Amino acid sequence: MTIRFLVIGKTDSSEITSIIDNYLNRIKHYIRFEYDIIPDIKNVKNLSEAQQKEKEGELILSKIANGDHFILLDERGKKYSSIGYSELLQKKMNSGIKNLIFVVGGPYGFSESVYQRADGKVSLSDMTFSHQMIRMFFVEQTYRALTILRNEPYHHQ
């Protein structure tokens, strides 16, 4: 199985990028993992919030194939503990899915067409974080989940 992580726009902070890169480097020892940055939309000042979500949605959906399993990182999604998230990954691995795709949307969330196509939603917290920070938290939690599945000492109960 390949885990793909789709995000809208570059990370502005070199510190956050460095942390993300650190965890991406760690993850590759466990599973095939692709980090795919969809470029920011140009001239967003001329677009309404709804138009921006639609354009971002089109870009997101263009990266999703028919057989892909597609999960949104969304504030209204299901919340998991670290162990629960590792169990979710194990279940997906065991199911024969070839591509498991997690997506962080733009600043206004997802278009209705993206919500309709999604196979699920996961929330990382009840708190609101920047889209930059969510990337860091997600790759760290994915690394943590993979170490839990291997009974390695990174995660402490």
C-alpha atoms as a PDB file:
ATOM      1  CA  MET A   1       0.000   0.000   0.000  1.00  0.00           C
ATOM      2  CA  THR A   2       1.063   3.570  -0.658  1.00  0.00           C
ATOM      3  CA  ILE A   3      -0.020   6.414   1.590  1.00  0.00           C
ATOM      4  CA  ARG A   4      -0.305   9.701  -0.269  1.00  0.00           C
ATOM      5  CA  PHE A   5      -0.614  12.994   1.542  1.00  0.00           C
ATOM      6  CA  LEU A   6      -2.063  15.810  -0.587  1.00  0.00           C
ATOM      7  CA  VAL A   7      -1.856  19.405   0.570  1.00  0.00           C
ATOM      8  CA  ILE A   8      -2.723  22.753  -0.983  1.00  0.00           C
ATOM      9  CA  GLY A   9       0.212  25.199  -1.226  1.00  0.00           C
ATOM     10  CA  LYS A  10       3.744  25.245   0.087  1.00  0.00           C
ATOM     11  CA  THR A  11       4.670  25.471   3.742  1.00  0.00           C
ATOM     12  CA  ASP A  12       5.937  28.986   4.461  1.00  0.00           C
ATOM     13  CA  SER A  13       7.926  28.097   7.569  1.00  0.00           C
ATOM     14  CA  SER A  14      11.356  26.553   7.049  1.00  0.00           C
ATOM     15  CA  GLU A  15      11.201  25.193  10.611  1.00  0.00           C
ATOM     16  CA  ILE A  16       7.949  23.324   9.950  1.00  0.00           C
ATOM     17  CA  THR A  17       9.276  22.098   6.592  1.00  0.00           C
ATOM     18  CA  SER A  18      12.364  20.745   8.337  1.00  0.00           C
ATOM     19  CA  ILE A  19      10.253  18.827  10.873  1.00  0.00           C
ATOM     20  CA  ILE A  20       8.001  17.453   8.106  1.00  0.00           C
ATOM     21  CA  ASP A  21      11.047  16.331   6.122  1.00  0.00           C
ATOM     22  CA  ASN A  22      12.458  14.618   9.209  1.00  0.00           C
ATOM     23  CA  TYR A  23       9.304  12.532   9.659  1.00  0.00           C
ATOM     24  CA  LEU A  24       8.954  11.837   5.931  1.00  0.00           C
ATOM     25  CA  ASN A  25      12.481  10.436   6.027  1.00  0.00           C
ATOM     26  CA  ARG A  26      11.550   8.211   8.981  1.00  0.00           C
ATOM     27  CA  ILE A  27       8.267   7.018   7.436  1.00  0.00           C
ATOM     28  CA  LYS A  28       9.942   5.764   4.259  1.00  0.00           C
ATOM     29  CA  HIS A  29      11.550   2.952   6.287  1.00  0.00           C
ATOM     30  CA  TYR A  30       8.076   1.528   7.007  1.00  0.00           C
ATOM     31  CA  ILE A  31       5.837   2.158   4.024  1.00  0.00           C
ATOM     32  CA  ARG A  32       5.748   3.867   0.654  1.00  0.00           C
ATOM     33  CA  PHE A  33       4.699   7.440   1.402  1.00  0.00           C
ATOM     34  CA  GLU A  34       4.238  10.290  -1.071  1.00  0.00           C
ATOM     35  CA  TYR A  35       3.921  13.932  -0.071  1.00  0.00           C
ATOM     36  CA  ASP A  36       2.194  15.809  -2.880  1.00  0.00           C
ATOM     37  CA  ILE A  37       1.933  19.608  -2.784  1.00  0.00           C
ATOM     38  CA  ILE A  38      -0.742  21.072  -5.042  1.00  0.00           C
ATOM     39  CA  PRO A  39       0.339  24.613  -6.000  1.00  0.00           C
ATOM     40  CA  ASP A  40      -1.660  27.530  -4.634  1.00  0.00           C
ATOM     41  CA  ILE A  41      -4.289  28.966  -6.951  1.00  0.00           C
ATOM     42  CA  LYS A  42      -3.247  32.205  -8.622  1.00  0.00           C
ATOM     43  CA  ASN A  43      -5.191  35.457  -8.179  1.00  0.00           C
ATOM     44  CA  VAL A  44      -7.264  34.263  -5.209  1.00  0.00           C
ATOM     45  CA  LYS A  45      -8.007  37.912  -4.354  1.00  0.00           C
ATOM     46  CA  ASN A  46     -10.356  37.929  -7.338  1.00  0.00           C
ATOM     47  CA  LEU A  47     -12.208  34.795  -6.197  1.00  0.00           C
ATOM     48  CA  SER A  48     -14.940  34.327  -3.639  1.00  0.00           C
ATOM     49  CA  GLU A  49     -14.469  31.778  -0.869  1.00  0.00           C
ATOM     50  CA  ALA A  50     -16.790  29.365  -2.710  1.00  0.00           C
ATOM     51  CA  GLN A  51     -14.940  29.824  -6.009  1.00  0.00           C
ATOM     52  CA  GLN A  52     -11.601  29.179  -4.313  1.00  0.00           C
ATOM     53  CA  LYS A  53     -12.936  25.969  -2.725  1.00  0.00           C
ATOM     54  CA  GLU A  54     -14.285  24.829  -6.109  1.00  0.00           C
ATOM     55  CA  LYS A  55     -10.988  25.446  -7.900  1.00  0.00           C
ATOM     56  CA  GLU A  56      -9.008  23.704  -5.146  1.00  0.00           C
ATOM     57  CA  GLY A  57     -11.536  20.862  -5.216  1.00  0.00           C
ATOM     58  CA  GLU A  58     -10.994  20.357  -8.938  1.00  0.00           C
ATOM     59  CA  LEU A  59      -7.229  20.179  -8.365  1.00  0.00           C
ATOM     60  CA  ILE A  60      -7.642  17.696  -5.505  1.00  0.00           C
ATOM     61  CA  LEU A  61     -10.035  15.464  -7.432  1.00  0.00           C
ATOM     62  CA  SER A  62      -7.699  15.460 -10.442  1.00  0.00           C
ATOM     63  CA  LYS A  63      -5.156  13.674  -8.227  1.00  0.00           C
ATOM     64  CA  ILE A  64      -7.588  10.918  -7.159  1.00  0.00           C
ATOM     65  CA  ALA A  65      -8.058   7.773  -9.242  1.00  0.00           C
ATOM     66  CA  ASN A  66     -11.173   5.561  -9.176  1.00  0.00           C
ATOM     67  CA  GLY A  67      -9.676   2.823  -6.990  1.00  0.00           C
ATOM     68  CA  ASP A  68      -8.041   5.178  -4.487  1.00  0.00           C
ATOM     69  CA  HIS A  69      -9.292   5.309  -0.903  1.00  0.00           C
ATOM     70  CA  PHE A  70      -9.612   8.999  -0.078  1.00  0.00           C
ATOM     71  CA  ILE A  71      -9.785  10.474   3.459  1.00  0.00           C
ATOM     72  CA  LEU A  72     -10.134  14.142   4.323  1.00  0.00           C
ATOM     73  CA  LEU A  73      -8.405  15.694   7.303  1.00  0.00           C
ATOM     74  CA  ASP A  74     -11.419  17.674   8.433  1.00  0.00           C
ATOM     75  CA  GLU A  75     -12.542  19.249  11.704  1.00  0.00           C
ATOM     76  CA  ARG A  76     -15.831  17.295  11.471  1.00  0.00           C
ATOM     77  CA  GLY A  77     -14.087  13.964  11.013  1.00  0.00           C
ATOM     78  CA  LYS A  78     -13.731  11.045  13.380  1.00  0.00           C
ATOM     79  CA  LYS A  79     -11.195  11.489  16.150  1.00  0.00           C
ATOM     80  CA  TYR A  80      -8.670   8.772  16.928  1.00  0.00           C
ATOM     81  CA  SER A  81      -6.122   8.192  19.637  1.00  0.00           C
ATOM     82  CA  SER A  82      -2.638   7.405  18.351  1.00  0.00           C
ATOM     83  CA  ILE A  83      -3.312   3.703  18.880  1.00  0.00           C
ATOM     84  CA  GLY A  84      -6.710   4.025  17.200  1.00  0.00           C
ATOM     85  CA  TYR A  85      -5.094   5.697  14.200  1.00  0.00           C
ATOM     86  CA  SER A  86      -2.518   2.893  13.989  1.00  0.00           C
ATOM     87  CA  GLU A  87      -5.396   0.383  14.004  1.00  0.00           C
ATOM     88  CA  LEU A  88      -7.098   2.339  11.189  1.00  0.00           C
ATOM     89  CA  LEU A  89      -3.896   2.155   9.120  1.00  0.00           C
ATOM     90  CA  GLN A  90      -3.542  -1.566   9.811  1.00  0.00           C
ATOM     91  CA  LYS A  91      -7.140  -2.163   8.753  1.00  0.00           C
ATOM     92  CA  LYS A  92      -6.553  -0.248   5.505  1.00  0.00           C
ATOM     93  CA  MET A  93      -3.321  -2.178   4.855  1.00  0.00           C
ATOM     94  CA  ASN A  94      -5.095  -5.479   5.409  1.00  0.00           C
ATOM     95  CA  SER A  95      -7.986  -4.523   3.118  1.00  0.00           C
ATOM     96  CA  GLY A  96      -5.869  -4.590  -0.045  1.00  0.00           C
ATOM     97  CA  ILE A  97      -6.142  -0.873  -0.797  1.00  0.00           C
ATOM     98  CA  LYS A  98      -3.371   0.176  -3.192  1.00  0.00           C
ATOM     99  CA  ASN A  99      -3.509   3.915  -2.505  1.00  0.00           C
ATOM    100  CA  LEU A 100      -4.666   5.484   0.735  1.00  0.00           C
ATOM    101  CA  ILE A 101      -4.849   9.239   0.261  1.00  0.00           C
ATOM    102  CA  PHE A 102      -5.170  11.810   3.033  1.00  0.00           C
ATOM    103  CA  VAL A 103      -5.905  15.431   2.062  1.00  0.00           C
ATOM    104  CA  VAL A 104      -5.569  18.802   3.761  1.00  0.00           C
ATOM    105  CA  GLY A 105      -7.656  21.406   1.976  1.00  0.00           C
ATOM    106  CA  GLY A 106      -7.114  25.104   1.549  1.00  0.00           C
ATOM    107  CA  PRO A 107      -7.902  27.812   4.083  1.00  0.00           C
ATOM    108  CA  TYR A 108     -11.681  27.550   3.564  1.00  0.00           C
ATOM    109  CA  GLY A 109     -11.946  23.764   3.621  1.00  0.00           C
ATOM    110  CA  PHE A 110     -13.315  21.528   0.889  1.00  0.00           C
ATOM    111  CA  SER A 111     -15.845  21.936  -1.885  1.00  0.00           C
ATOM    112  CA  GLU A 112     -19.033  19.888  -1.832  1.00  0.00           C
ATOM    113  CA  SER A 113     -17.734  17.705  -4.695  1.00  0.00           C
ATOM    114  CA  VAL A 114     -14.678  16.761  -2.607  1.00  0.00           C
ATOM    115  CA  TYR A 115     -16.876  15.877   0.383  1.00  0.00           C
ATOM    116  CA  GLN A 116     -19.070  13.715  -1.869  1.00  0.00           C
ATOM    117  CA  ARG A 117     -16.088  11.794  -3.301  1.00  0.00           C
ATOM    118  CA  ALA A 118     -14.362  11.235   0.055  1.00  0.00           C
ATOM    119  CA  ASP A 119     -14.403   7.792   1.645  1.00  0.00           C
ATOM    120  CA  GLY A 120     -14.022   9.211   5.134  1.00  0.00           C
ATOM    121  CA  LYS A 121     -12.997  12.111   7.345  1.00  0.00           C
ATOM    122  CA  VAL A 122     -10.456  12.209  10.168  1.00  0.00           C
ATOM    123  CA  SER A 123     -10.054  15.020  12.678  1.00  0.00           C
ATOM    124  CA  LEU A 124      -6.735  15.504  14.436  1.00  0.00           C
ATOM    125  CA  SER A 125      -8.203  17.673  17.202  1.00  0.00           C
ATOM    126  CA  ASP A 126     -11.139  19.765  18.350  1.00  0.00           C
ATOM    127  CA  MET A 127      -8.738  22.700  18.236  1.00  0.00           C
ATOM    128  CA  THR A 128      -8.100  24.696  15.080  1.00  0.00           C
ATOM    129  CA  PHE A 129      -4.559  24.616  13.706  1.00  0.00           C
ATOM    130  CA  SER A 130      -3.009  26.275  10.693  1.00  0.00           C
ATOM    131  CA  HIS A 131      -2.821  24.172   7.536  1.00  0.00           C
ATOM    132  CA  GLN A 132       0.959  24.325   7.931  1.00  0.00           C
ATOM    133  CA  MET A 133       0.855  22.790  11.417  1.00  0.00           C
ATOM    134  CA  ILE A 134      -1.621  20.067  10.440  1.00  0.00           C
ATOM    135  CA  ARG A 135       0.927  18.733   7.935  1.00  0.00           C
ATOM    136  CA  MET A 136       3.515  18.395  10.675  1.00  0.00           C
ATOM    137  CA  PHE A 137       1.078  16.756  13.104  1.00  0.00           C
ATOM    138  CA  PHE A 138      -0.168  14.328  10.464  1.00  0.00           C
ATOM    139  CA  VAL A 139       3.260  13.065   9.384  1.00  0.00           C
ATOM    140  CA  GLU A 140       4.332  12.711  13.032  1.00  0.00           C
ATOM    141  CA  GLN A 141       1.186  10.753  13.899  1.00  0.00           C
ATOM    142  CA  THR A 142       1.635   8.548  10.820  1.00  0.00           C
ATOM    143  CA  TYR A 143       5.211   7.798  11.889  1.00  0.00           C
ATOM    144  CA  ARG A 144       3.991   7.117  15.438  1.00  0.00           C
ATOM    145  CA  ALA A 145       1.261   4.779  14.129  1.00  0.00           C
ATOM    146  CA  LEU A 146       3.767   2.799  12.098  1.00  0.00           C
ATOM    147  CA  THR A 147       6.079   2.394  15.105  1.00  0.00           C
ATOM    148  CA  ILE A 148       3.091   1.257  17.206  1.00  0.00           C
ATOM    149  CA  LEU A 149       2.294  -1.409  14.590  1.00  0.00           C
ATOM    150  CA  ARG A 150       5.886  -2.652  14.839  1.00  0.00           C
ATOM    151  CA  ASN A 151       5.920  -2.533  18.652  1.00  0.00           C
ATOM    152  CA  GLU A 152       8.815  -0.090  18.595  1.00  0.00           C
ATOM    153  CA  PRO A 153       9.528   2.134  21.621  1.00  0.00           C
ATOM    154  CA  TYR A 154       8.657   5.556  20.111  1.00  0.00           C
ATOM    155  CA  HIS A 155       5.120   5.633  21.570  1.00  0.00           C
ATOM    156  CA  HIS A 156       4.703   5.396  25.344  1.00  0.00           C
ATOM    157  CA  GLN A 157       1.481   4.392  27.075  1.00  0.00           C
END
